[in-house]
């Protein structure tokens, strides 16, 4: 099952969720802030992604800039879901961050 990690107050997440619903993509939804992924879940996501670790960080967020994040990234991201670039969509083989309709079209349909 696809997992859609998002933040309820994020306009990009809302657009991505609307797209998923309009295109009848089934997914489980999890709020990154209220219920961030565990360290183990994040390590599994890191292992699945063919992108650099930085791809998963919300590098434009204030929380990211305040912290010097190099080591223990999974621990920090599991304790503060706002550090994760969103929305985060994951299934058994694929990881995407952010929302671009063409990427969702190619990846999730």
N, C-alpha and C. Protein backbone atom coordinates (compact mmCIF):
# COMPACT_ATOMS: atom_id res chain seq x y z
N UNK A 1 0.85 -1.18 0.00
CA UNK A 1 0.00 0.00 0.00
C UNK A 1 0.89 1.24 0.00
N UNK A 2 0.49 2.24 -0.74
CA UNK A 2 1.22 3.50 -0.80
C UNK A 2 0.96 4.28 0.49
N UNK A 3 1.96 4.97 0.95
CA UNK A 3 1.84 5.77 2.17
C UNK A 3 2.11 7.22 1.81
N UNK A 4 1.20 8.10 2.18
CA UNK A 4 1.28 9.52 1.88
C UNK A 4 1.54 10.25 3.19
N UNK A 5 2.76 10.75 3.36
CA UNK A 5 3.13 11.50 4.55
C UNK A 5 2.96 12.98 4.22
N UNK A 6 2.22 13.69 5.04
CA UNK A 6 1.94 15.08 4.72
C UNK A 6 1.81 15.90 6.00
N UNK A 7 1.63 17.20 5.81
CA UNK A 7 1.42 18.13 6.92
C UNK A 7 0.11 18.85 6.63
N UNK A 8 -0.82 18.79 7.55
CA UNK A 8 -2.18 19.29 7.33
C UNK A 8 -2.24 20.76 6.89
N UNK A 9 -1.27 21.57 7.34
CA UNK A 9 -1.31 23.00 7.04
C UNK A 9 -0.50 23.36 5.78
N UNK A 10 0.02 22.37 5.09
CA UNK A 10 0.88 22.59 3.92
C UNK A 10 0.03 22.63 2.65
N UNK A 11 0.09 23.75 1.92
CA UNK A 11 -0.70 23.88 0.69
C UNK A 11 -0.24 22.91 -0.39
N UNK A 12 1.05 22.63 -0.46
CA UNK A 12 1.55 21.66 -1.44
C UNK A 12 1.03 20.27 -1.14
N UNK A 13 0.98 19.91 0.13
CA UNK A 13 0.42 18.62 0.52
C UNK A 13 -1.05 18.52 0.13
N UNK A 14 -1.78 19.59 0.34
CA UNK A 14 -3.21 19.61 -0.02
C UNK A 14 -3.39 19.41 -1.52
N UNK A 15 -2.56 20.05 -2.34
CA UNK A 15 -2.63 19.89 -3.79
C UNK A 15 -2.32 18.45 -4.19
N UNK A 16 -1.29 17.88 -3.57
CA UNK A 16 -0.91 16.50 -3.89
C UNK A 16 -2.02 15.52 -3.50
N UNK A 17 -2.60 15.72 -2.32
CA UNK A 17 -3.68 14.83 -1.88
C UNK A 17 -4.89 14.95 -2.80
N UNK A 18 -5.22 16.16 -3.21
CA UNK A 18 -6.33 16.37 -4.14
C UNK A 18 -6.07 15.62 -5.44
N UNK A 19 -4.84 15.72 -5.94
CA UNK A 19 -4.48 15.02 -7.18
C UNK A 19 -4.63 13.51 -7.01
N UNK A 20 -4.12 12.98 -5.91
CA UNK A 20 -4.22 11.55 -5.66
C UNK A 20 -5.68 11.09 -5.63
N UNK A 21 -6.53 11.85 -4.94
CA UNK A 21 -7.94 11.50 -4.84
C UNK A 21 -8.62 11.59 -6.20
N UNK A 22 -8.34 12.66 -6.96
CA UNK A 22 -8.94 12.83 -8.29
C UNK A 22 -8.52 11.72 -9.24
N UNK A 23 -7.32 11.19 -9.05
CA UNK A 23 -6.82 10.13 -9.91
C UNK A 23 -7.00 8.74 -9.32
N UNK A 24 -7.79 8.68 -8.28
CA UNK A 24 -8.20 7.42 -7.63
C UNK A 24 -7.01 6.55 -7.23
N UNK A 25 -5.97 7.20 -6.71
CA UNK A 25 -4.82 6.48 -6.19
C UNK A 25 -5.10 6.15 -4.72
N UNK A 26 -5.04 4.90 -4.37
CA UNK A 26 -5.30 4.50 -2.99
C UNK A 26 -4.02 4.66 -2.17
N UNK A 27 -4.18 5.20 -0.95
CA UNK A 27 -3.03 5.44 -0.09
C UNK A 27 -3.47 5.52 1.36
N UNK A 28 -2.53 5.28 2.24
CA UNK A 28 -2.71 5.53 3.65
C UNK A 28 -2.07 6.88 3.94
N UNK A 29 -2.71 7.70 4.75
CA UNK A 29 -2.25 9.06 5.04
C UNK A 29 -1.71 9.12 6.46
N UNK A 30 -0.58 9.82 6.60
CA UNK A 30 0.01 10.01 7.93
C UNK A 30 0.53 11.44 8.03
N UNK A 31 0.17 12.14 9.09
CA UNK A 31 0.62 13.51 9.32
C UNK A 31 2.05 13.50 9.84
N UNK A 32 2.94 14.19 9.13
CA UNK A 32 4.36 14.23 9.48
C UNK A 32 4.64 14.95 10.80
N UNK A 33 3.77 15.87 11.17
CA UNK A 33 4.01 16.65 12.37
C UNK A 33 3.36 15.98 13.57
N UNK A 34 2.11 15.60 13.44
CA UNK A 34 1.39 14.96 14.55
C UNK A 34 1.91 13.55 14.82
N UNK A 35 2.32 12.86 13.76
CA UNK A 35 2.74 11.46 13.89
C UNK A 35 3.91 11.19 12.93
N UNK A 36 5.10 11.76 13.22
CA UNK A 36 6.23 11.55 12.31
C UNK A 36 6.62 10.08 12.21
N UNK A 37 7.21 9.70 11.07
CA UNK A 37 7.68 8.32 10.95
C UNK A 37 8.73 8.02 12.02
N UNK A 38 8.82 6.76 12.40
CA UNK A 38 9.83 6.35 13.37
C UNK A 38 11.22 6.37 12.71
N UNK A 39 12.23 6.30 13.53
CA UNK A 39 13.60 6.24 13.02
C UNK A 39 13.76 5.04 12.10
N UNK A 40 13.22 3.89 12.49
CA UNK A 40 13.32 2.69 11.68
C UNK A 40 12.62 2.86 10.33
N UNK A 41 11.43 3.49 10.34
CA UNK A 41 10.72 3.75 9.08
C UNK A 41 11.54 4.66 8.18
N UNK A 42 12.15 5.69 8.77
CA UNK A 42 12.96 6.63 7.98
C UNK A 42 14.20 5.94 7.41
N UNK A 43 14.83 5.09 8.18
CA UNK A 43 15.99 4.37 7.67
C UNK A 43 15.59 3.47 6.49
N UNK A 44 14.40 2.86 6.56
CA UNK A 44 13.91 2.03 5.46
C UNK A 44 13.63 2.90 4.23
N UNK A 45 13.08 4.09 4.44
CA UNK A 45 12.83 5.02 3.33
C UNK A 45 14.15 5.45 2.71
N UNK A 46 15.12 5.78 3.55
CA UNK A 46 16.45 6.17 3.04
C UNK A 46 17.01 5.06 2.15
N UNK A 47 16.87 3.82 2.60
CA UNK A 47 17.42 2.68 1.85
C UNK A 47 16.73 2.49 0.51
N UNK A 48 15.44 2.80 0.43
CA UNK A 48 14.68 2.63 -0.81
C UNK A 48 14.94 3.73 -1.83
N UNK A 49 15.26 4.90 -1.33
CA UNK A 49 15.41 6.06 -2.21
C UNK A 49 16.74 6.03 -2.94
N UNK A 50 16.70 6.38 -4.21
CA UNK A 50 17.94 6.48 -4.98
C UNK A 50 18.45 7.92 -4.99
N UNK A 51 17.86 8.76 -4.18
CA UNK A 51 18.23 10.17 -4.09
C UNK A 51 19.14 10.40 -2.89
N UNK A 52 19.88 11.50 -2.89
CA UNK A 52 20.69 11.82 -1.70
C UNK A 52 19.78 12.14 -0.51
N UNK A 53 20.31 11.96 0.67
CA UNK A 53 19.56 12.22 1.89
C UNK A 53 18.94 13.62 1.91
N UNK A 54 19.66 14.58 1.39
CA UNK A 54 19.19 15.97 1.37
C UNK A 54 17.82 16.10 0.68
N UNK A 55 17.53 15.22 -0.27
CA UNK A 55 16.26 15.24 -0.99
C UNK A 55 15.07 15.12 -0.04
N UNK A 56 15.24 14.42 1.05
CA UNK A 56 14.14 14.20 1.98
C UNK A 56 13.95 15.32 3.00
N UNK A 57 14.92 16.21 3.10
CA UNK A 57 14.82 17.30 4.07
C UNK A 57 14.05 18.49 3.51
N UNK A 58 13.29 19.11 4.36
CA UNK A 58 12.63 20.38 4.03
C UNK A 58 13.66 21.48 4.24
N UNK A 59 14.55 21.63 3.26
CA UNK A 59 15.69 22.53 3.41
C UNK A 59 15.30 24.00 3.40
N UNK A 60 14.09 24.32 2.97
CA UNK A 60 13.66 25.71 3.00
C UNK A 60 13.00 26.08 4.33
N UNK A 61 12.79 25.09 5.18
CA UNK A 61 12.15 25.34 6.47
C UNK A 61 13.10 25.93 7.50
N UNK A 62 12.55 26.73 8.39
CA UNK A 62 13.35 27.37 9.44
C UNK A 62 13.98 26.34 10.37
N UNK A 63 13.27 25.27 10.68
CA UNK A 63 13.80 24.26 11.59
C UNK A 63 15.08 23.64 11.02
N UNK A 64 15.11 23.38 9.74
CA UNK A 64 16.30 22.81 9.11
C UNK A 64 17.49 23.76 9.23
N UNK A 65 17.24 25.04 8.97
CA UNK A 65 18.33 26.02 9.00
C UNK A 65 18.88 26.24 10.40
N UNK A 66 18.04 26.11 11.42
CA UNK A 66 18.48 26.32 12.80
C UNK A 66 19.40 25.21 13.29
N UNK A 67 19.22 24.03 12.74
CA UNK A 67 19.99 22.86 13.19
C UNK A 67 21.13 22.57 12.22
N UNK A 68 22.23 22.11 12.72
CA UNK A 68 23.33 21.68 11.87
C UNK A 68 23.18 20.17 11.66
N UNK A 69 22.43 19.81 10.63
CA UNK A 69 22.06 18.40 10.44
C UNK A 69 23.01 17.68 9.51
N UNK A 70 23.82 16.86 10.06
CA UNK A 70 24.70 16.00 9.27
C UNK A 70 24.56 14.57 9.79
N UNK A 71 24.82 14.39 11.06
CA UNK A 71 24.76 13.08 11.71
C UNK A 71 23.35 12.87 12.27
N UNK A 72 22.99 11.68 12.49
CA UNK A 72 21.73 11.31 13.15
C UNK A 72 20.50 11.90 12.48
N UNK A 73 20.51 11.99 11.17
CA UNK A 73 19.39 12.58 10.45
C UNK A 73 18.09 11.82 10.71
N UNK A 74 18.12 10.53 10.70
CA UNK A 74 16.89 9.76 10.91
C UNK A 74 16.31 10.02 12.29
N UNK A 75 17.16 10.13 13.30
CA UNK A 75 16.69 10.41 14.65
C UNK A 75 15.99 11.76 14.70
N UNK A 76 16.63 12.77 14.16
CA UNK A 76 16.05 14.11 14.19
C UNK A 76 14.75 14.19 13.40
N UNK A 77 14.72 13.56 12.22
CA UNK A 77 13.51 13.60 11.40
C UNK A 77 12.37 12.84 12.07
N UNK A 78 12.69 11.79 12.81
CA UNK A 78 11.64 11.04 13.49
C UNK A 78 11.08 11.80 14.68
N UNK A 79 11.83 12.76 15.18
CA UNK A 79 11.37 13.56 16.32
C UNK A 79 10.73 14.87 15.88
N UNK A 80 10.94 15.27 14.63
CA UNK A 80 10.38 16.53 14.13
C UNK A 80 10.00 16.35 12.67
N UNK A 81 8.74 16.01 12.44
CA UNK A 81 8.25 15.74 11.09
C UNK A 81 8.36 16.92 10.14
N UNK A 82 8.48 18.14 10.67
CA UNK A 82 8.60 19.30 9.80
C UNK A 82 9.94 19.35 9.07
N UNK A 83 10.90 18.55 9.48
CA UNK A 83 12.18 18.49 8.79
C UNK A 83 12.10 17.70 7.49
N UNK A 84 11.06 16.91 7.33
CA UNK A 84 10.91 16.06 6.16
C UNK A 84 10.26 16.84 5.03
N UNK A 85 10.90 16.81 3.87
CA UNK A 85 10.31 17.47 2.70
C UNK A 85 8.98 16.80 2.42
N UNK A 86 7.98 17.57 2.13
CA UNK A 86 6.64 17.03 2.00
C UNK A 86 5.95 17.50 0.73
N UNK A 87 4.96 16.75 0.30
CA UNK A 87 4.56 15.47 0.85
C UNK A 87 5.55 14.38 0.48
N UNK A 88 5.60 13.38 1.32
CA UNK A 88 6.44 12.21 1.11
C UNK A 88 5.52 11.06 0.76
N UNK A 89 5.76 10.43 -0.39
CA UNK A 89 4.93 9.30 -0.84
C UNK A 89 5.85 8.10 -1.01
N UNK A 90 5.44 6.96 -0.44
CA UNK A 90 6.32 5.79 -0.39
C UNK A 90 5.51 4.52 -0.66
N UNK A 91 6.07 3.61 -1.46
CA UNK A 91 5.53 2.26 -1.50
C UNK A 91 6.70 1.29 -1.35
N UNK A 92 6.53 0.05 -1.73
CA UNK A 92 7.57 -0.95 -1.49
C UNK A 92 8.89 -0.64 -2.20
N UNK A 93 8.84 0.08 -3.34
CA UNK A 93 10.04 0.29 -4.14
C UNK A 93 10.37 1.75 -4.42
N UNK A 94 9.46 2.65 -4.19
CA UNK A 94 9.61 4.01 -4.69
C UNK A 94 9.41 5.05 -3.60
N UNK A 95 10.13 6.17 -3.73
CA UNK A 95 10.01 7.30 -2.82
C UNK A 95 9.95 8.57 -3.65
N UNK A 96 8.95 9.43 -3.39
CA UNK A 96 8.93 10.76 -3.99
C UNK A 96 8.70 11.79 -2.89
N UNK A 97 9.29 12.96 -3.09
CA UNK A 97 9.09 14.10 -2.18
C UNK A 97 8.64 15.28 -3.00
N UNK A 98 7.84 16.15 -2.38
CA UNK A 98 7.30 17.28 -3.10
C UNK A 98 6.17 16.83 -3.99
N UNK A 99 5.54 17.79 -4.67
CA UNK A 99 4.44 17.43 -5.55
C UNK A 99 4.61 18.10 -6.90
N UNK A 100 4.71 17.28 -7.91
CA UNK A 100 4.66 17.70 -9.30
C UNK A 100 3.71 16.74 -9.99
N UNK A 101 2.61 17.26 -10.57
CA UNK A 101 1.63 16.36 -11.19
C UNK A 101 2.26 15.36 -12.17
N UNK A 102 3.23 15.82 -12.97
CA UNK A 102 3.83 14.92 -13.96
C UNK A 102 4.60 13.79 -13.29
N UNK A 103 5.22 14.05 -12.15
CA UNK A 103 5.93 13.00 -11.42
C UNK A 103 4.91 12.02 -10.83
N UNK A 104 3.84 12.54 -10.23
CA UNK A 104 2.79 11.66 -9.68
C UNK A 104 2.16 10.83 -10.79
N UNK A 105 1.91 11.45 -11.94
CA UNK A 105 1.32 10.74 -13.08
C UNK A 105 2.21 9.57 -13.48
N UNK A 106 3.49 9.83 -13.61
CA UNK A 106 4.45 8.82 -14.05
C UNK A 106 4.69 7.75 -12.98
N UNK A 107 4.68 8.15 -11.72
CA UNK A 107 5.09 7.26 -10.65
C UNK A 107 3.95 6.52 -9.99
N UNK A 108 2.82 7.19 -9.75
CA UNK A 108 1.80 6.61 -8.88
C UNK A 108 0.55 6.11 -9.58
N UNK A 109 0.44 6.29 -10.89
CA UNK A 109 -0.72 5.72 -11.58
C UNK A 109 -0.40 4.39 -12.17
